[in-house]
Amino acid sequence: MSDIVRAVVIREYGQPPTTEDWAAPVAAAGQSLIRLEAAGLNPVDLAIASGRFYMPLPAAPCVAGAEAVGVVVASARFAPGTRVWALGMTGCFSELFVVADDLLIPVPDGVPAPLAAAMGIAGLAGWMPVMSRGGIVPGERVLVLGASGVVGQVAVQAARAAGAGWIVAAARSDDGRRRALRAGADVAVGVATHESDEALARAAGEGLDLIVDTLWGEPLQTVLAHLRTGARVVQVGSASAQSASLVGGPLRGKRIDILGFSLFSEPFPGLERDYPLLCQAAAAGTVRIGVDEVPLDDAASAWEAQAHQATGRKLVLVADDR
């Protein structure tokens, strides 16, 4: 086994990482050594590399990458050759990487590595706010705020799979609304304008039970008037704004619950339960998203594309020798 691997390295926080030669990692006690097959590139990776992420980070230089799918080389928990999904914070964008044994989940048989990687952070961020954190009940009326991206598309499809009675998708662009409709939304509207609020009011009809919010800020403020008593808002991201001005009366009067969701703070048993289910749904075609594969050595171009991502497709880094 070579002492040198190709890895995507953060030389300095605040600067884009580069793919370069790097010392092969060595697994310590409680860690598994994994050979990379595919790794999802996510907005969280860009936030971490910027140095402005809200959780503690290792000192630079370090290897980027919060998740990857690969084959076990050595582990006290899994047999060599087991394909696993790994959730880290950094370190996964490397031909060989190490992750704590208890942050690995086996990938179901028959799920290709790129698809398994796409169903990781982004997939679960759409699936779990509907299925588990949001506790959807068949027949409920669902709104996905920011439905054009991968997270939003998965949320729409999760709601459809769970038997939602009515699904409203909110997206900024015509292309994004078309993607949401193809994903299974009953109706698609714009985001946070006077015209879109009128369209939302018509789409919401008798009211909404579950909101998956990837935007925060004004879009959510606009939505609150259209919630039923006992509705839940699962707050997944803040693509529109970092803060929101919410009027307290309607929250109290309608007994609205606002539930935060972050994969990095979600209890791991929930990930172990939901990740295989999502992979199986994707393999069966119940959940479909577009996946663009980019070689690990072209990570810089993928990084740039992710920074300007507007296609609603998932970028996945792949090892050259997988």
Protein backbone atom coordinates (compact mmCIF):
# COMPACT_ATOMS: atom_id res chain seq x y z
CA MET A 1 0.00 0.00 0.00
CA SER A 2 1.40 3.39 -1.04
CA ASP A 3 2.47 5.89 1.58
CA ILE A 4 1.12 8.71 -0.63
CA VAL A 5 -2.46 9.27 -1.78
CA ARG A 6 -4.29 11.89 -3.80
CA ALA A 7 -6.44 14.07 -1.60
CA VAL A 8 -8.35 17.35 -1.66
CA VAL A 9 -6.39 19.52 0.76
CA ILE A 10 -7.38 22.71 2.58
CA ARG A 11 -4.06 24.53 2.81
CA GLU A 12 -5.59 27.63 4.35
CA TYR A 13 -9.12 28.28 5.55
CA GLY A 14 -10.78 30.85 3.33
CA GLN A 15 -9.10 29.53 0.16
CA PRO A 16 -10.42 26.82 -2.19
CA PRO A 17 -8.73 23.46 -1.62
CA THR A 18 -6.54 21.71 -4.19
CA THR A 19 -6.03 18.06 -5.11
CA GLU A 20 -2.47 17.04 -4.32
CA ASP A 21 -0.28 14.28 -2.96
CA TRP A 22 -0.81 13.68 0.75
CA ALA A 23 0.50 11.25 3.31
CA ALA A 24 -1.68 8.17 3.52
CA PRO A 25 -3.64 8.14 6.78
CA VAL A 26 -3.17 5.51 9.46
CA ALA A 27 -6.19 4.30 11.44
CA ALA A 28 -5.93 4.66 15.20
CA ALA A 29 -7.85 2.61 17.74
CA GLY A 30 -11.57 3.02 17.15
CA GLN A 31 -11.10 4.07 13.51
CA SER A 32 -11.55 2.28 10.18
CA LEU A 33 -9.40 2.69 7.08
CA ILE A 34 -11.53 3.11 3.95
CA ARG A 35 -10.65 3.14 0.25
CA LEU A 36 -12.62 5.87 -1.51
CA GLU A 37 -15.12 5.10 -4.25
CA ALA A 38 -17.33 8.22 -4.32
CA ALA A 39 -17.89 11.30 -2.17
CA GLY A 40 -20.72 13.81 -2.20
CA LEU A 41 -19.65 17.44 -2.49
CA ASN A 42 -21.97 19.59 -0.40
CA PRO A 43 -22.47 23.23 0.57
CA VAL A 44 -21.26 22.26 4.04
CA ASP A 45 -17.85 21.41 2.55
CA LEU A 46 -17.59 24.93 1.15
CA ALA A 47 -18.69 26.39 4.48
CA ILE A 48 -16.07 24.34 6.33
CA ALA A 49 -13.30 25.34 3.91
CA SER A 50 -14.28 28.99 4.34
CA GLY A 51 -13.40 28.68 8.03
CA ARG A 52 -16.77 30.12 9.04
CA PHE A 53 -18.49 26.87 9.96
CA TYR A 54 -20.28 26.84 13.33
CA MET A 55 -18.59 23.65 14.65
CA PRO A 56 -14.93 23.15 15.69
CA LEU A 57 -12.52 22.43 12.82
CA PRO A 58 -9.04 20.88 12.66
CA ALA A 59 -6.01 23.06 12.05
CA ALA A 60 -5.01 23.61 8.41
CA PRO A 61 -3.59 22.03 6.38
CA CYS A 62 -6.08 19.20 6.42
CA VAL A 63 -8.07 17.05 4.01
CA ALA A 64 -11.53 18.30 3.05
CA GLY A 65 -14.66 16.18 2.83
CA ALA A 66 -17.52 15.56 5.24
CA GLU A 67 -18.77 12.30 3.70
CA ALA A 68 -17.77 9.49 1.38
CA VAL A 69 -18.63 5.99 0.28
CA GLY A 70 -15.87 3.44 0.12
CA VAL A 71 -14.69 -0.07 0.81
CA VAL A 72 -13.31 -1.09 4.19
CA VAL A 73 -9.58 -1.87 4.14
CA ALA A 74 -9.17 -2.42 7.87
CA SER A 75 -11.66 -2.13 10.71
CA ALA A 76 -12.45 -3.64 14.08
CA ARG A 77 -16.17 -3.33 13.31
CA PHE A 78 -16.60 -4.28 9.64
CA ALA A 79 -15.05 -7.00 7.49
CA PRO A 80 -12.61 -5.89 4.77
CA GLY A 81 -14.47 -5.34 1.51
CA THR A 82 -17.64 -4.01 3.18
CA ARG A 83 -18.96 -0.96 1.35
CA VAL A 84 -19.86 1.78 3.83
CA TRP A 85 -21.05 5.36 3.95
CA ALA A 86 -18.87 7.48 6.23
CA LEU A 87 -19.86 10.73 7.90
CA GLY A 88 -17.03 12.91 9.11
CA MET A 89 -16.43 16.63 9.27
CA THR A 90 -13.25 16.71 7.24
CA GLY A 91 -10.89 14.07 5.87
CA CYS A 92 -13.09 12.08 3.48
CA PHE A 93 -11.91 13.48 0.10
CA SER A 94 -8.90 11.19 -0.13
CA GLU A 95 -8.10 7.94 -1.91
CA LEU A 96 -7.66 6.46 1.57
CA PHE A 97 -9.33 8.00 4.60
CA VAL A 98 -10.07 7.14 8.21
CA VAL A 99 -13.33 7.62 10.06
CA ALA A 100 -14.48 6.63 13.54
CA ASP A 101 -15.91 3.11 13.55
CA ASP A 102 -19.20 4.35 14.98
CA LEU A 103 -19.72 6.84 12.11
CA LEU A 104 -19.97 4.18 9.41
CA ILE A 105 -23.15 2.70 7.92
CA PRO A 106 -23.14 -0.25 5.49
CA VAL A 107 -24.46 0.55 2.01
CA PRO A 108 -27.26 -1.82 0.93
CA ASP A 109 -26.36 -4.32 -1.77
CA GLY A 110 -27.01 -3.25 -5.34
CA VAL A 111 -26.67 0.50 -4.74
CA PRO A 112 -23.89 2.01 -6.91
CA ALA A 113 -21.30 4.03 -4.99
CA PRO A 114 -22.09 7.41 -6.67
CA LEU A 115 -25.79 7.03 -5.90
CA ALA A 116 -25.02 5.93 -2.34
CA ALA A 117 -22.84 9.04 -1.91
CA ALA A 118 -25.56 11.28 -3.33
CA MET A 119 -28.03 9.90 -0.80
CA GLY A 120 -25.78 10.85 2.14
CA ILE A 121 -25.77 14.38 3.53
CA ALA A 122 -27.96 15.92 0.82
CA GLY A 123 -30.32 12.99 0.53
CA LEU A 124 -30.86 12.57 4.24
CA ALA A 125 -31.34 16.33 4.68
CA GLY A 126 -34.40 16.00 2.44
CA TRP A 127 -35.62 12.60 3.65
CA MET A 128 -35.35 12.84 7.44
CA PRO A 129 -37.12 16.20 7.92
CA VAL A 130 -40.14 14.58 6.30
CA MET A 131 -39.96 10.99 7.51
CA SER A 132 -38.60 11.25 11.04
CA ARG A 133 -37.95 14.78 12.31
CA GLY A 134 -41.14 16.08 10.71
CA GLY A 135 -43.15 12.97 11.58
CA ILE A 136 -45.34 13.13 8.48
CA VAL A 137 -48.76 11.52 8.68
CA PRO A 138 -50.37 10.15 5.50
CA GLY A 139 -52.77 12.65 4.01
CA GLU A 140 -51.02 15.73 5.42
CA ARG A 141 -50.41 18.84 3.33
CA VAL A 142 -46.72 19.60 2.85
CA LEU A 143 -44.75 22.63 1.66
CA VAL A 144 -41.09 22.41 0.65
CA LEU A 145 -39.39 25.82 0.72
CA GLY A 146 -36.46 25.70 -1.68
CA ALA A 147 -37.67 22.67 -3.60
CA SER A 148 -35.42 23.01 -6.67
CA GLY A 149 -32.16 21.74 -5.16
CA VAL A 150 -31.23 18.19 -4.29
CA VAL A 151 -32.44 18.48 -0.69
CA GLY A 152 -35.75 19.95 -1.79
CA GLN A 153 -36.30 17.39 -4.55
CA VAL A 154 -35.69 14.54 -2.12
CA ALA A 155 -38.07 16.15 0.39
CA VAL A 156 -40.81 16.34 -2.24
CA GLN A 157 -40.28 12.69 -3.18
CA ALA A 158 -40.16 11.61 0.47
CA ALA A 159 -43.47 13.35 1.10
CA ARG A 160 -44.98 11.61 -1.93
CA ALA A 161 -43.64 8.22 -0.80
CA ALA A 162 -45.05 8.80 2.70
CA GLY A 163 -48.55 9.42 1.36
CA ALA A 164 -48.83 13.20 1.61
CA GLY A 165 -52.24 14.40 0.53
CA TRP A 166 -51.02 17.61 -1.13
CA ILE A 167 -47.47 18.83 -1.85
CA VAL A 168 -46.60 22.45 -2.56
CA ALA A 169 -43.11 23.28 -3.84
CA ALA A 170 -41.64 26.78 -3.63
CA ALA A 171 -38.68 27.63 -5.86
CA ARG A 172 -37.22 30.80 -7.30
CA SER A 173 -36.75 29.86 -10.95
CA ASP A 174 -39.00 28.42 -13.64
CA ASP A 175 -36.51 25.57 -14.09
CA GLY A 176 -36.54 24.90 -10.36
CA ARG A 177 -40.33 24.77 -10.26
CA ARG A 178 -40.36 22.37 -13.21
CA ARG A 179 -37.87 20.12 -11.37
CA ALA A 180 -40.09 20.14 -8.30
CA LEU A 181 -43.15 19.19 -10.33
CA ARG A 182 -41.23 16.34 -11.95
CA ALA A 183 -40.23 15.21 -8.45
CA GLY A 184 -43.90 14.84 -7.54
CA ALA A 185 -45.17 18.19 -6.24
CA ASP A 186 -48.85 18.89 -6.93
CA VAL A 187 -48.20 22.59 -7.49
CA ALA A 188 -45.11 24.83 -7.64
CA VAL A 189 -44.99 28.51 -6.71
CA GLY A 190 -42.39 31.25 -6.44
CA VAL A 191 -40.61 32.40 -3.30
CA ALA A 192 -41.37 35.46 -1.14
CA THR A 193 -42.84 38.07 -3.46
CA HIS A 194 -46.30 39.64 -3.39
CA GLU A 195 -47.30 37.63 -6.45
CA SER A 196 -45.92 34.38 -5.09
CA ASP A 197 -47.67 34.94 -1.76
CA GLU A 198 -50.98 35.16 -3.60
CA ALA A 199 -50.09 31.97 -5.47
CA LEU A 200 -49.04 30.32 -2.20
CA ALA A 201 -52.33 31.26 -0.56
CA ARG A 202 -54.19 29.57 -3.41
CA ALA A 203 -51.90 26.53 -3.31
CA ALA A 204 -52.10 26.20 0.49
CA GLY A 205 -55.87 26.11 0.33
CA GLU A 206 -57.20 25.00 3.70
CA GLY A 207 -53.71 25.16 5.22
CA LEU A 208 -50.42 23.30 5.53
CA ASP A 209 -49.33 20.71 8.10
CA LEU A 210 -45.60 20.27 7.48
CA ILE A 211 -43.03 22.70 6.09
CA VAL A 212 -39.50 21.67 5.14
CA ASP A 213 -37.58 24.95 5.12
CA THR A 214 -34.18 25.17 3.44
CA LEU A 215 -34.36 28.99 3.09
CA TRP A 216 -35.30 30.76 6.37
CA GLY A 217 -35.79 34.55 6.39
CA GLU A 218 -38.63 36.20 4.46
CA PRO A 219 -39.79 33.04 2.66
CA LEU A 220 -40.66 31.38 5.97
CA GLN A 221 -42.19 34.58 7.34
CA THR A 222 -44.53 34.62 4.35
CA VAL A 223 -45.56 31.00 4.89
CA LEU A 224 -46.58 31.20 8.53
CA ALA A 225 -49.99 32.69 7.73
CA HIS A 226 -50.88 29.55 5.78
CA LEU A 227 -50.25 26.94 8.49
CA ARG A 228 -52.85 24.79 10.14
CA THR A 229 -53.11 24.45 13.91
CA GLY A 230 -50.45 22.02 15.10
CA ALA A 231 -48.26 22.41 12.01
CA ARG A 232 -44.54 21.68 12.14
CA VAL A 233 -41.72 23.62 10.49
CA VAL A 234 -38.49 21.64 10.07
CA GLN A 235 -35.66 24.15 9.64
CA VAL A 236 -32.96 22.60 7.44
CA GLY A 237 -30.97 25.50 6.00
CA SER A 238 -30.66 29.25 5.59
CA ALA A 239 -30.04 29.75 1.87
CA SER A 240 -32.16 32.90 1.84
CA ALA A 241 -31.13 34.58 5.12
CA GLN A 242 -29.38 33.89 8.42
CA SER A 243 -32.18 35.44 10.48
CA ALA A 244 -35.94 35.73 10.36
CA SER A 245 -38.41 38.06 12.04
CA LEU A 246 -41.31 35.93 13.26
CA VAL A 247 -44.48 37.19 14.93
CA GLY A 248 -45.06 35.23 18.10
CA GLY A 249 -48.85 35.34 18.27
CA PRO A 250 -49.60 32.98 15.37
CA LEU A 251 -46.96 30.53 16.61
CA ARG A 252 -48.64 30.37 20.00
CA GLY A 253 -52.21 30.57 18.76
CA LYS A 254 -51.79 27.74 16.26
CA ARG A 255 -49.40 25.70 18.43
CA ILE A 256 -46.74 25.73 15.71
CA ASP A 257 -43.56 23.73 16.34
CA ILE A 258 -40.28 24.91 14.77
CA LEU A 259 -37.84 21.99 14.73
CA GLY A 260 -34.17 22.37 13.91
CA PHE A 261 -32.44 19.73 11.81
CA SER A 262 -28.72 19.18 11.18
CA LEU A 263 -27.24 15.89 10.11
CA PHE A 264 -24.19 16.57 12.29
CA SER A 265 -26.29 16.82 15.45
CA GLU A 266 -28.84 14.14 14.59
CA PRO A 267 -28.57 11.07 16.87
CA PHE A 268 -26.63 8.47 14.90
CA PRO A 269 -29.14 5.63 15.40
CA GLY A 270 -31.57 7.68 13.33
CA LEU A 271 -29.05 7.89 10.49
CA GLU A 272 -28.43 4.14 10.73
CA ARG A 273 -32.17 3.58 10.39
CA ASP A 274 -32.93 6.05 7.59
CA TYR A 275 -29.84 5.92 5.36
CA PRO A 276 -30.39 2.30 4.17
CA LEU A 277 -34.09 3.04 3.62
CA LEU A 278 -33.25 6.07 1.48
CA CYS A 279 -30.64 4.15 -0.52
CA GLN A 280 -33.16 1.41 -1.19
CA ALA A 281 -35.75 3.98 -2.27
CA ALA A 282 -33.20 5.52 -4.64
CA ALA A 283 -32.21 2.13 -6.06
CA ALA A 284 -35.90 1.33 -6.63
CA GLY A 285 -36.50 4.68 -8.36
CA THR A 286 -38.84 6.01 -5.67
CA VAL A 287 -36.31 8.82 -5.14
CA ARG A 288 -34.55 10.17 -8.24
CA ILE A 289 -32.00 12.95 -8.56
CA GLY A 290 -29.47 13.77 -11.23
CA VAL A 291 -25.88 12.86 -10.33
CA ASP A 292 -22.79 14.38 -11.99
CA GLU A 293 -19.58 12.43 -11.42
CA VAL A 294 -16.30 14.38 -11.26
CA PRO A 295 -12.85 12.75 -10.89
CA LEU A 296 -11.11 13.47 -7.60
CA ASP A 297 -8.28 15.21 -9.46
CA ASP A 298 -10.84 17.68 -10.89
CA ALA A 299 -12.16 18.64 -7.46
CA ALA A 300 -11.29 22.32 -8.05
CA SER A 301 -13.72 22.53 -10.97
CA ALA A 302 -16.39 20.72 -8.96
CA TRP A 303 -15.79 23.15 -6.08
CA GLU A 304 -16.38 26.10 -8.39
CA ALA A 305 -19.51 24.48 -9.81
CA GLN A 306 -20.87 23.83 -6.32
CA ALA A 307 -20.35 27.47 -5.40
CA HIS A 308 -22.61 28.44 -8.32
CA GLN A 309 -24.86 25.38 -8.25
CA ALA A 310 -28.19 26.08 -9.88
CA THR A 311 -28.89 22.91 -11.84
CA GLY A 312 -30.49 20.85 -9.08
CA ARG A 313 -28.03 18.00 -9.70
CA LYS A 314 -25.73 16.32 -7.20
CA LEU A 315 -21.96 16.66 -7.62
CA VAL A 316 -20.07 13.51 -6.63
CA LEU A 317 -16.29 13.12 -6.60
CA VAL A 318 -15.17 9.69 -7.77
CA ALA A 319 -11.88 7.85 -7.34
CA ASP A 320 -10.06 7.08 -10.57
CA ASP A 321 -9.54 3.41 -9.67
CA ARG A 322 -12.94 2.56 -8.22
